[in-house]
Amino acid sequence: MNVIAKREVMKAAAKMGLGGELQDWYNSARQANWRSLSDVRKQYPSADMVGDLIVFDIQHNKFRLIVRVAFQSNMMFFKGLVTHKEYGRGEWKTWK
């Protein structure tokens, strides 16, 4: 997958203290050839699809990594990294 905005991913990771874990996610996503949510779930079983967003559980559900995915064009766009509490408030659902 072509993951757009590595710099933003790493900035969010540093802010939350998740550098290594998100670097690992980034590396695996870059090497992946995901064509559907079922492909993603082979590697990340807890990933969920909400519209055209995929939500990844990070650090045992303490954080959520949210990306917009375009499987047809093999692209993934970083939208944000939020805590479990922030995710529960649902503000991320309005992200464009």
PDB file of N, CA and C in Angstrom:
ATOM      1  N   MET A   1       0.851  -1.178   0.000  1.00  0.00           N
ATOM      2  CA  MET A   1       0.000   0.000   0.000  1.00  0.00           C
ATOM      3  C   MET A   1       0.893   1.236   0.000  1.00  0.00           C
ATOM      4  N   ASN A   2       0.423   2.238  -0.661  1.00  0.00           N
ATOM      5  CA  ASN A   2       1.095   3.524  -0.620  1.00  0.00           C
ATOM      6  C   ASN A   2       0.468   4.309   0.532  1.00  0.00           C
ATOM      7  N   VAL A   3       1.192   4.434   1.626  1.00  0.00           N
ATOM      8  CA  VAL A   3       0.678   5.120   2.813  1.00  0.00           C
ATOM      9  C   VAL A   3       1.086   6.585   2.721  1.00  0.00           C
ATOM     10  N   ILE A   4       0.079   7.448   2.620  1.00  0.00           N
ATOM     11  CA  ILE A   4       0.327   8.871   2.464  1.00  0.00           C
ATOM     12  C   ILE A   4       0.447   9.528   3.840  1.00  0.00           C
ATOM     13  N   ALA A   5       1.500  10.325   3.941  1.00  0.00           N
ATOM     14  CA  ALA A   5       1.770  11.171   5.104  1.00  0.00           C
ATOM     15  C   ALA A   5       2.545  10.450   6.207  1.00  0.00           C
ATOM     16  N   LYS A   6       3.637   9.808   5.833  1.00  0.00           N
ATOM     17  CA  LYS A   6       4.489   9.163   6.843  1.00  0.00           C
ATOM     18  C   LYS A   6       4.905  10.165   7.912  1.00  0.00           C
ATOM     19  N   ARG A   7       5.243  11.365   7.502  1.00  0.00           N
ATOM     20  CA  ARG A   7       5.664  12.378   8.466  1.00  0.00           C
ATOM     21  C   ARG A   7       4.579  12.628   9.513  1.00  0.00           C
ATOM     22  N   GLU A   8       3.324  12.693   9.079  1.00  0.00           N
ATOM     23  CA  GLU A   8       2.213  12.923  10.007  1.00  0.00           C
ATOM     24  C   GLU A   8       1.992  11.721  10.925  1.00  0.00           C
ATOM     25  N   VAL A   9       2.154  10.523  10.375  1.00  0.00           N
ATOM     26  CA  VAL A   9       2.044   9.309  11.194  1.00  0.00           C
ATOM     27  C   VAL A   9       3.093   9.336  12.298  1.00  0.00           C
ATOM     28  N   MET A  10       4.320   9.639  11.926  1.00  0.00           N
ATOM     29  CA  MET A  10       5.417   9.634  12.899  1.00  0.00           C
ATOM     30  C   MET A  10       5.291  10.780  13.904  1.00  0.00           C
ATOM     31  N   LYS A  11       4.765  11.924  13.469  1.00  0.00           N
ATOM     32  CA  LYS A  11       4.545  13.041  14.385  1.00  0.00           C
ATOM     33  C   LYS A  11       3.490  12.664  15.439  1.00  0.00           C
ATOM     34  N   ALA A  12       2.398  12.051  14.992  1.00  0.00           N
ATOM     35  CA  ALA A  12       1.353  11.611  15.915  1.00  0.00           C
ATOM     36  C   ALA A  12       1.879  10.526  16.849  1.00  0.00           C
ATOM     37  N   ALA A  13       2.687   9.625  16.303  1.00  0.00           N
ATOM     38  CA  ALA A  13       3.267   8.549  17.120  1.00  0.00           C
ATOM     39  C   ALA A  13       4.154   9.121  18.212  1.00  0.00           C
ATOM     40  N   ALA A  14       4.977  10.098  17.869  1.00  0.00           N
ATOM     41  CA  ALA A  14       5.865  10.704  18.859  1.00  0.00           C
ATOM     42  C   ALA A  14       5.061  11.422  19.938  1.00  0.00           C
ATOM     43  N   LYS A  15       4.016  12.106  19.533  1.00  0.00           N
ATOM     44  CA  LYS A  15       3.161  12.832  20.482  1.00  0.00           C
ATOM     45  C   LYS A  15       2.532  11.884  21.506  1.00  0.00           C
ATOM     46  N   MET A  16       2.161  10.688  21.048  1.00  0.00           N
ATOM     47  CA  MET A  16       1.503   9.712  21.922  1.00  0.00           C
ATOM     48  C   MET A  16       2.489   8.721  22.538  1.00  0.00           C
ATOM     49  N   GLY A  17       3.758   8.834  22.192  1.00  0.00           N
ATOM     50  CA  GLY A  17       4.760   7.908  22.727  1.00  0.00           C
ATOM     51  C   GLY A  17       4.693   6.523  22.107  1.00  0.00           C
ATOM     52  N   LEU A  18       4.345   6.446  20.822  1.00  0.00           N
ATOM     53  CA  LEU A  18       4.149   5.164  20.139  1.00  0.00           C
ATOM     54  C   LEU A  18       5.077   4.977  18.954  1.00  0.00           C
ATOM     55  N   GLY A  19       6.222   5.616  18.968  1.00  0.00           N
ATOM     56  CA  GLY A  19       7.115   5.600  17.817  1.00  0.00           C
ATOM     57  C   GLY A  19       7.376   4.237  17.219  1.00  0.00           C
ATOM     58  N   GLY A  20       7.875   3.305  18.011  1.00  0.00           N
ATOM     59  CA  GLY A  20       8.226   1.986  17.491  1.00  0.00           C
ATOM     60  C   GLY A  20       7.041   1.216  16.962  1.00  0.00           C
ATOM     61  N   GLU A  21       5.945   1.248  17.680  1.00  0.00           N
ATOM     62  CA  GLU A  21       4.770   0.479  17.268  1.00  0.00           C
ATOM     63  C   GLU A  21       4.185   1.006  15.959  1.00  0.00           C
ATOM     64  N   LEU A  22       4.116   2.324  15.815  1.00  0.00           N
ATOM     65  CA  LEU A  22       3.573   2.858  14.570  1.00  0.00           C
ATOM     66  C   LEU A  22       4.564   2.748  13.426  1.00  0.00           C
ATOM     67  N   GLN A  23       5.833   2.772  13.722  1.00  0.00           N
ATOM     68  CA  GLN A  23       6.824   2.533  12.661  1.00  0.00           C
ATOM     69  C   GLN A  23       6.661   1.110  12.125  1.00  0.00           C
ATOM     70  N   ASP A  24       6.429   0.144  13.033  1.00  0.00           N
ATOM     71  CA  ASP A  24       6.194  -1.239  12.607  1.00  0.00           C
ATOM     72  C   ASP A  24       4.932  -1.335  11.750  1.00  0.00           C
ATOM     73  N   TRP A  25       3.852  -0.659  12.190  1.00  0.00           N
ATOM     74  CA  TRP A  25       2.612  -0.668  11.415  1.00  0.00           C
ATOM     75  C   TRP A  25       2.866  -0.069  10.030  1.00  0.00           C
ATOM     76  N   TYR A  26       3.535   1.073   9.993  1.00  0.00           N
ATOM     77  CA  TYR A  26       3.819   1.744   8.724  1.00  0.00           C
ATOM     78  C   TYR A  26       4.598   0.820   7.782  1.00  0.00           C
ATOM     79  N   ASN A  27       5.633   0.194   8.314  1.00  0.00           N
ATOM     80  CA  ASN A  27       6.443  -0.702   7.489  1.00  0.00           C
ATOM     81  C   ASN A  27       5.625  -1.857   6.934  1.00  0.00           C
ATOM     82  N   SER A  28       4.782  -2.449   7.762  1.00  0.00           N
ATOM     83  CA  SER A  28       3.978  -3.584   7.285  1.00  0.00           C
ATOM     84  C   SER A  28       2.909  -3.122   6.292  1.00  0.00           C
ATOM     85  N   ALA A  29       2.320  -1.961   6.524  1.00  0.00           N
ATOM     86  CA  ALA A  29       1.311  -1.442   5.587  1.00  0.00           C
ATOM     87  C   ALA A  29       1.949  -1.111   4.244  1.00  0.00           C
ATOM     88  N   ARG A  30       3.136  -0.546   4.247  1.00  0.00           N
ATOM     89  CA  ARG A  30       3.836  -0.204   3.001  1.00  0.00           C
ATOM     90  C   ARG A  30       4.132  -1.449   2.164  1.00  0.00           C
ATOM     91  N   GLN A  31       4.398  -2.549   2.831  1.00  0.00           N
ATOM     92  CA  GLN A  31       4.727  -3.789   2.121  1.00  0.00           C
ATOM     93  C   GLN A  31       3.499  -4.602   1.725  1.00  0.00           C
ATOM     94  N   ALA A  32       2.346  -4.228   2.272  1.00  0.00           N
ATOM     95  CA  ALA A  32       1.128  -5.011   2.059  1.00  0.00           C
ATOM     96  C   ALA A  32       0.534  -4.769   0.680  1.00  0.00           C
ATOM     97  N   ASN A  33      -0.246  -5.745   0.239  1.00  0.00           N
ATOM     98  CA  ASN A  33      -0.997  -5.633  -0.997  1.00  0.00           C
ATOM     99  C   ASN A  33      -2.459  -5.945  -0.675  1.00  0.00           C
ATOM    100  N   TRP A  34      -3.018  -5.147   0.226  1.00  0.00           N
ATOM    101  CA  TRP A  34      -4.389  -5.359   0.676  1.00  0.00           C
ATOM    102  C   TRP A  34      -5.373  -4.925  -0.397  1.00  0.00           C
ATOM    103  N   ARG A  35      -6.345  -5.774  -0.667  1.00  0.00           N
ATOM    104  CA  ARG A  35      -7.381  -5.476  -1.649  1.00  0.00           C
ATOM    105  C   ARG A  35      -8.773  -5.407  -1.024  1.00  0.00           C
ATOM    106  N   SER A  36      -8.844  -5.745   0.273  1.00  0.00           N
ATOM    107  CA  SER A  36     -10.132  -5.726   0.960  1.00  0.00           C
ATOM    108  C   SER A  36      -9.881  -5.750   2.470  1.00  0.00           C
ATOM    109  N   LEU A  37     -10.937  -5.509   3.235  1.00  0.00           N
ATOM    110  CA  LEU A  37     -10.811  -5.572   4.683  1.00  0.00           C
ATOM    111  C   LEU A  37     -10.391  -6.967   5.139  1.00  0.00           C
ATOM    112  N   SER A  38     -10.839  -7.983   4.456  1.00  0.00           N
ATOM    113  CA  SER A  38     -10.446  -9.339   4.858  1.00  0.00           C
ATOM    114  C   SER A  38      -8.943  -9.541   4.709  1.00  0.00           C
ATOM    115  N   ASP A  39      -8.334  -8.927   3.710  1.00  0.00           N
ATOM    116  CA  ASP A  39      -6.874  -8.981   3.578  1.00  0.00           C
ATOM    117  C   ASP A  39      -6.196  -8.279   4.750  1.00  0.00           C
ATOM    118  N   VAL A  40      -6.714  -7.119   5.123  1.00  0.00           N
ATOM    119  CA  VAL A  40      -6.156  -6.369   6.257  1.00  0.00           C
ATOM    120  C   VAL A  40      -6.258  -7.202   7.525  1.00  0.00           C
ATOM    121  N   ARG A  41      -7.408  -7.839   7.721  1.00  0.00           N
ATOM    122  CA  ARG A  41      -7.642  -8.609   8.949  1.00  0.00           C
ATOM    123  C   ARG A  41      -6.775  -9.853   9.068  1.00  0.00           C
ATOM    124  N   LYS A  42      -6.214 -10.311   7.984  1.00  0.00           N
ATOM    125  CA  LYS A  42      -5.275 -11.428   8.079  1.00  0.00           C
ATOM    126  C   LYS A  42      -4.056 -11.022   8.881  1.00  0.00           C
ATOM    127  N   GLN A  43      -3.685  -9.770   8.789  1.00  0.00           N
ATOM    128  CA  GLN A  43      -2.535  -9.250   9.517  1.00  0.00           C
ATOM    129  C   GLN A  43      -2.948  -8.513  10.795  1.00  0.00           C
ATOM    130  N   TYR A  44      -4.097  -7.835  10.744  1.00  0.00           N
ATOM    131  CA  TYR A  44      -4.608  -7.060  11.879  1.00  0.00           C
ATOM    132  C   TYR A  44      -6.059  -7.474  12.127  1.00  0.00           C
ATOM    133  N   PRO A  45      -6.269  -8.567  12.855  1.00  0.00           N
ATOM    134  CA  PRO A  45      -7.616  -9.125  13.031  1.00  0.00           C
ATOM    135  C   PRO A  45      -8.632  -8.170  13.653  1.00  0.00           C
ATOM    136  N   SER A  46      -8.192  -7.211  14.440  1.00  0.00           N
ATOM    137  CA  SER A  46      -9.142  -6.314  15.110  1.00  0.00           C
ATOM    138  C   SER A  46      -9.463  -5.071  14.275  1.00  0.00           C
ATOM    139  N   ALA A  47      -8.914  -4.951  13.077  1.00  0.00           N
ATOM    140  CA  ALA A  47      -9.192  -3.785  12.235  1.00  0.00           C
ATOM    141  C   ALA A  47     -10.678  -3.758  11.867  1.00  0.00           C
ATOM    142  N   ASP A  48     -11.240  -2.559  11.882  1.00  0.00           N
ATOM    143  CA  ASP A  48     -12.648  -2.377  11.526  1.00  0.00           C
ATOM    144  C   ASP A  48     -12.769  -1.358  10.408  1.00  0.00           C
ATOM    145  N   MET A  49     -13.793  -1.540   9.587  1.00  0.00           N
ATOM    146  CA  MET A  49     -14.075  -0.611   8.506  1.00  0.00           C
ATOM    147  C   MET A  49     -15.291   0.211   8.902  1.00  0.00           C
ATOM    148  N   VAL A  50     -15.153   1.526   8.830  1.00  0.00           N
ATOM    149  CA  VAL A  50     -16.255   2.442   9.101  1.00  0.00           C
ATOM    150  C   VAL A  50     -16.341   3.360   7.888  1.00  0.00           C
ATOM    151  N   GLY A  51     -17.298   3.080   6.996  1.00  0.00           N
ATOM    152  CA  GLY A  51     -17.349   3.797   5.729  1.00  0.00           C
ATOM    153  C   GLY A  51     -16.122   3.426   4.922  1.00  0.00           C
ATOM    154  N   ASP A  52     -15.360   4.437   4.504  1.00  0.00           N
ATOM    155  CA  ASP A  52     -14.115   4.146   3.787  1.00  0.00           C
ATOM    156  C   ASP A  52     -12.899   4.338   4.685  1.00  0.00           C
ATOM    157  N   LEU A  53     -13.125   4.332   5.982  1.00  0.00           N
ATOM    158  CA  LEU A  53     -12.040   4.433   6.958  1.00  0.00           C
ATOM    159  C   LEU A  53     -11.760   3.066   7.565  1.00  0.00           C
ATOM    160  N   ILE A  54     -10.499   2.803   7.818  1.00  0.00           N
ATOM    161  CA  ILE A  54     -10.131   1.605   8.572  1.00  0.00           C
ATOM    162  C   ILE A  54      -9.578   2.081   9.903  1.00  0.00           C
ATOM    163  N   VAL A  55     -10.035   1.431  10.962  1.00  0.00           N
ATOM    164  CA  VAL A  55      -9.616   1.764  12.315  1.00  0.00           C
ATOM    165  C   VAL A  55      -8.795   0.593  12.843  1.00  0.00           C
ATOM    166  N   PHE A  56      -7.547   0.892  13.207  1.00  0.00           N
ATOM    167  CA  PHE A  56      -6.643  -0.107  13.769  1.00  0.00           C
ATOM    168  C   PHE A  56      -6.512   0.120  15.272  1.00  0.00           C
ATOM    169  N   ASP A  57      -6.605  -0.952  16.041  1.00  0.00           N
ATOM    170  CA  ASP A  57      -6.334  -0.879  17.474  1.00  0.00           C
ATOM    171  C   ASP A  57      -4.827  -0.864  17.662  1.00  0.00           C
ATOM    172  N   ILE A  58      -4.367   0.078  18.455  1.00  0.00           N
ATOM    173  CA  ILE A  58      -2.936   0.217  18.713  1.00  0.00           C
ATOM    174  C   ILE A  58      -2.699   0.084  20.212  1.00  0.00           C
ATOM    175  N   GLN A  59      -1.661  -0.592  20.556  1.00  0.00           N
ATOM    176  CA  GLN A  59      -1.229  -0.795  21.942  1.00  0.00           C
ATOM    177  C   GLN A  59      -2.379  -1.365  22.785  1.00  0.00           C
ATOM    178  N   HIS A  60      -2.872  -2.494  22.341  1.00  0.00           N
ATOM    179  CA  HIS A  60      -3.918  -3.238  23.062  1.00  0.00           C
ATOM    180  C   HIS A  60      -5.149  -2.383  23.323  1.00  0.00           C
ATOM    181  N   ASN A  61      -5.590  -1.662  22.284  1.00  0.00           N
ATOM    182  CA  ASN A  61      -6.837  -0.917  22.334  1.00  0.00           C
ATOM    183  C   ASN A  61      -6.748   0.411  23.086  1.00  0.00           C
ATOM    184  N   LYS A  62      -5.561   0.863  23.458  1.00  0.00           N
ATOM    185  CA  LYS A  62      -5.430   2.154  24.134  1.00  0.00           C
ATOM    186  C   LYS A  62      -5.560   3.309  23.143  1.00  0.00           C
ATOM    187  N   PHE A  63      -5.193   3.039  21.882  1.00  0.00           N
ATOM    188  CA  PHE A  63      -5.229   4.060  20.840  1.00  0.00           C
ATOM    189  C   PHE A  63      -5.882   3.503  19.602  1.00  0.00           C
ATOM    190  N   ARG A  64      -6.351   4.407  18.741  1.00  0.00           N
ATOM    191  CA  ARG A  64      -6.919   4.021  17.451  1.00  0.00           C
ATOM    192  C   ARG A  64      -6.201   4.801  16.356  1.00  0.00           C
ATOM    193  N   LEU A  65      -5.714   4.084  15.388  1.00  0.00           N
ATOM    194  CA  LEU A  65      -5.112   4.665  14.198  1.00  0.00           C
ATOM    195  C   LEU A  65      -6.182   4.632  13.113  1.00  0.00           C
ATOM    196  N   ILE A  66      -6.458   5.777  12.526  1.00  0.00           N
ATOM    197  CA  ILE A  66      -7.541   5.875  11.548  1.00  0.00           C
ATOM    198  C   ILE A  66      -6.957   6.298  10.206  1.00  0.00           C
ATOM    199  N   VAL A  67      -7.271   5.514   9.182  1.00  0.00           N
ATOM    200  CA  VAL A  67      -6.799   5.809   7.832  1.00  0.00           C
ATOM    201  C   VAL A  67      -7.968   5.706   6.854  1.00  0.00           C
ATOM    202  N   ARG A  68      -7.904   6.496   5.801  1.00  0.00           N
ATOM    203  CA  ARG A  68      -8.855   6.370   4.699  1.00  0.00           C
ATOM    204  C   ARG A  68      -8.192   5.456   3.684  1.00  0.00           C
ATOM    205  N   VAL A  69      -8.934   4.521   3.157  1.00  0.00           N
ATOM    206  CA  VAL A  69      -8.338   3.535   2.255  1.00  0.00           C
ATOM    207  C   VAL A  69      -9.032   3.558   0.899  1.00  0.00           C
ATOM    208  N   ALA A  70      -8.214   3.415  -0.121  1.00  0.00           N
ATOM    209  CA  ALA A  70      -8.708   3.266  -1.487  1.00  0.00           C
ATOM    210  C   ALA A  70      -8.057   1.997  -2.028  1.00  0.00           C
ATOM    211  N   PHE A  71      -8.732   0.867  -1.818  1.00  0.00           N
ATOM    212  CA  PHE A  71      -8.145  -0.412  -2.205  1.00  0.00           C
ATOM    213  C   PHE A  71      -7.838  -0.476  -3.693  1.00  0.00           C
ATOM    214  N   GLN A  72      -8.722   0.095  -4.527  1.00  0.00           N
ATOM    215  CA  GLN A  72      -8.552   0.018  -5.977  1.00  0.00           C
ATOM    216  C   GLN A  72      -7.240   0.655  -6.424  1.00  0.00           C
ATOM    217  N   SER A  73      -6.869   1.758  -5.784  1.00  0.00           N
ATOM    218  CA  SER A  73      -5.643   2.459  -6.180  1.00  0.00           C
ATOM    219  C   SER A  73      -4.470   2.133  -5.255  1.00  0.00           C
ATOM    220  N   ASN A  74      -4.687   1.192  -4.334  1.00  0.00           N
ATOM    221  CA  ASN A  74      -3.630   0.725  -3.429  1.00  0.00           C
ATOM    222  C   ASN A  74      -3.061   1.874  -2.586  1.00  0.00           C
ATOM    223  N   MET A  75      -3.968   2.751  -2.102  1.00  0.00           N
ATOM    224  CA  MET A  75      -3.535   3.905  -1.324  1.00  0.00           C
ATOM    225  C   MET A  75      -4.240   3.958   0.026  1.00  0.00           C
ATOM    226  N   MET A  76      -3.497   4.458   0.998  1.00  0.00           N
ATOM    227  CA  MET A  76      -3.999   4.625   2.356  1.00  0.00           C
ATOM    228  C   MET A  76      -3.582   6.018   2.818  1.00  0.00           C
ATOM    229  N   PHE A  77      -4.530   6.769   3.348  1.00  0.00           N
ATOM    230  CA  PHE A  77      -4.275   8.138   3.779  1.00  0.00           C
ATOM    231  C   PHE A  77      -4.440   8.236   5.291  1.00  0.00           C
ATOM    232  N   PHE A  78      -3.391   8.628   5.988  1.00  0.00           N
ATOM    233  CA  PHE A  78      -3.435   8.800   7.433  1.00  0.00           C
ATOM    234  C   PHE A  78      -4.410   9.920   7.773  1.00  0.00           C
ATOM    235  N   LYS A  79      -5.366   9.631   8.666  1.00  0.00           N
ATOM    236  CA  LYS A  79      -6.338  10.635   9.096  1.00  0.00           C
ATOM    237  C   LYS A  79      -6.095  11.060  10.534  1.00  0.00           C
ATOM    238  N   GLY A  80      -5.651  10.154  11.377  1.00  0.00           N
ATOM    239  CA  GLY A  80      -5.393  10.551  12.751  1.00  0.00           C
ATOM    240  C   GLY A  80      -5.102   9.385  13.668  1.00  0.00           C
ATOM    241  N   LEU A  81      -4.629   9.756  14.837  1.00  0.00           N
ATOM    242  CA  LEU A  81      -4.350   8.808  15.912  1.00  0.00           C
ATOM    243  C   LEU A  81      -5.011   9.385  17.148  1.00  0.00           C
ATOM    244  N   VAL A  82      -5.904   8.627  17.752  1.00  0.00           N
ATOM    245  CA  VAL A  82      -6.655   9.124  18.904  1.00  0.00           C
ATOM    246  C   VAL A  82      -6.613   8.106  20.036  1.00  0.00           C
ATOM    247  N   THR A  83      -6.870   8.592  21.228  1.00  0.00           N
ATOM    248  CA  THR A  83      -6.980   7.690  22.369  1.00  0.00           C
ATOM    249  C   THR A  83      -8.320   6.962  22.300  1.00  0.00           C
ATOM    250  N   HIS A  84      -8.444   5.932  23.095  1.00  0.00           N
ATOM    251  CA  HIS A  84      -9.697   5.184  23.170  1.00  0.00           C
ATOM    252  C   HIS A  84     -10.846   6.119  23.554  1.00  0.00           C
ATOM    253  N   LYS A  85     -10.594   7.011  24.507  1.00  0.00           N
ATOM    254  CA  LYS A  85     -11.623   7.950  24.972  1.00  0.00           C
ATOM    255  C   LYS A  85     -12.030   8.911  23.851  1.00  0.00           C
ATOM    256  N   GLU A  86     -11.055   9.454  23.136  1.00  0.00           N
ATOM    257  CA  GLU A  86     -11.354  10.362  22.023  1.00  0.00           C
ATOM    258  C   GLU A  86     -12.133   9.642  20.931  1.00  0.00           C
ATOM    259  N   TYR A  87     -11.765   8.410  20.682  1.00  0.00           N
ATOM    260  CA  TYR A  87     -12.462   7.611  19.676  1.00  0.00           C
ATOM    261  C   TYR A  87     -13.936   7.453  20.058  1.00  0.00           C
ATOM    262  N   GLY A  88     -14.173   7.192  21.333  1.00  0.00           N
ATOM    263  CA  GLY A  88     -15.531   7.002  21.818  1.00  0.00           C
ATOM    264  C   GLY A  88     -16.415   8.231  21.638  1.00  0.00           C
ATOM    265  N   ARG A  89     -15.825   9.410  21.642  1.00  0.00           N
ATOM    266  CA  ARG A  89     -16.610  10.642  21.448  1.00  0.00           C
ATOM    267  C   ARG A  89     -17.088  10.779  20.006  1.00  0.00           C
ATOM    268  N   GLY A  90     -16.419  10.116  19.072  1.00  0.00           N
ATOM    269  CA  GLY A  90     -16.880  10.056  17.689  1.00  0.00           C
ATOM    270  C   GLY A  90     -16.563  11.239  16.799  1.00  0.00           C
ATOM    271  N   GLU A  91     -15.803  12.208  17.282  1.00  0.00           N
ATOM    272  CA  GLU A  91     -15.488  13.383  16.457  1.00  0.00           C
ATOM    273  C   GLU A  91     -14.737  12.998  15.184  1.00  0.00           C
ATOM    274  N   TRP A  92     -14.001  11.930  15.219  1.00  0.00           N
ATOM    275  CA  TRP A  92     -13.217  11.461  14.067  1.00  0.00           C
ATOM    276  C   TRP A  92     -14.112  11.118  12.875  1.00  0.00           C
ATOM    277  N   LYS A  93     -15.372  10.829  13.137  1.00  0.00           N
ATOM    278  CA  LYS A  93     -16.275  10.441  12.054  1.00  0.00           C
ATOM    279  C   LYS A  93     -16.539  11.587  11.079  1.00  0.00           C
ATOM    280  N   THR A  94     -16.226  12.813  11.485  1.00  0.00           N
ATOM    281  CA  THR A  94     -16.453  13.963  10.617  1.00  0.00           C
ATOM    282  C   THR A  94     -15.218  14.322   9.810  1.00  0.00           C
ATOM    283  N   TRP A  95     -14.116  13.620  10.011  1.00  0.00           N
ATOM    284  CA  TRP A  95     -12.886  13.920   9.273  1.00  0.00           C
ATOM    285  C   TRP A  95     -13.068  13.640   7.802  1.00  0.00           C
ATOM    286  N   LYS A  96     -12.576  14.519   6.984  1.00  0.00           N
ATOM    287  CA  LYS A  96     -12.672  14.350   5.533  1.00  0.00           C
ATOM    288  C   LYS A  96     -11.412  13.763   4.988  1.00  0.00           C
TER     289      LYS A  96
END
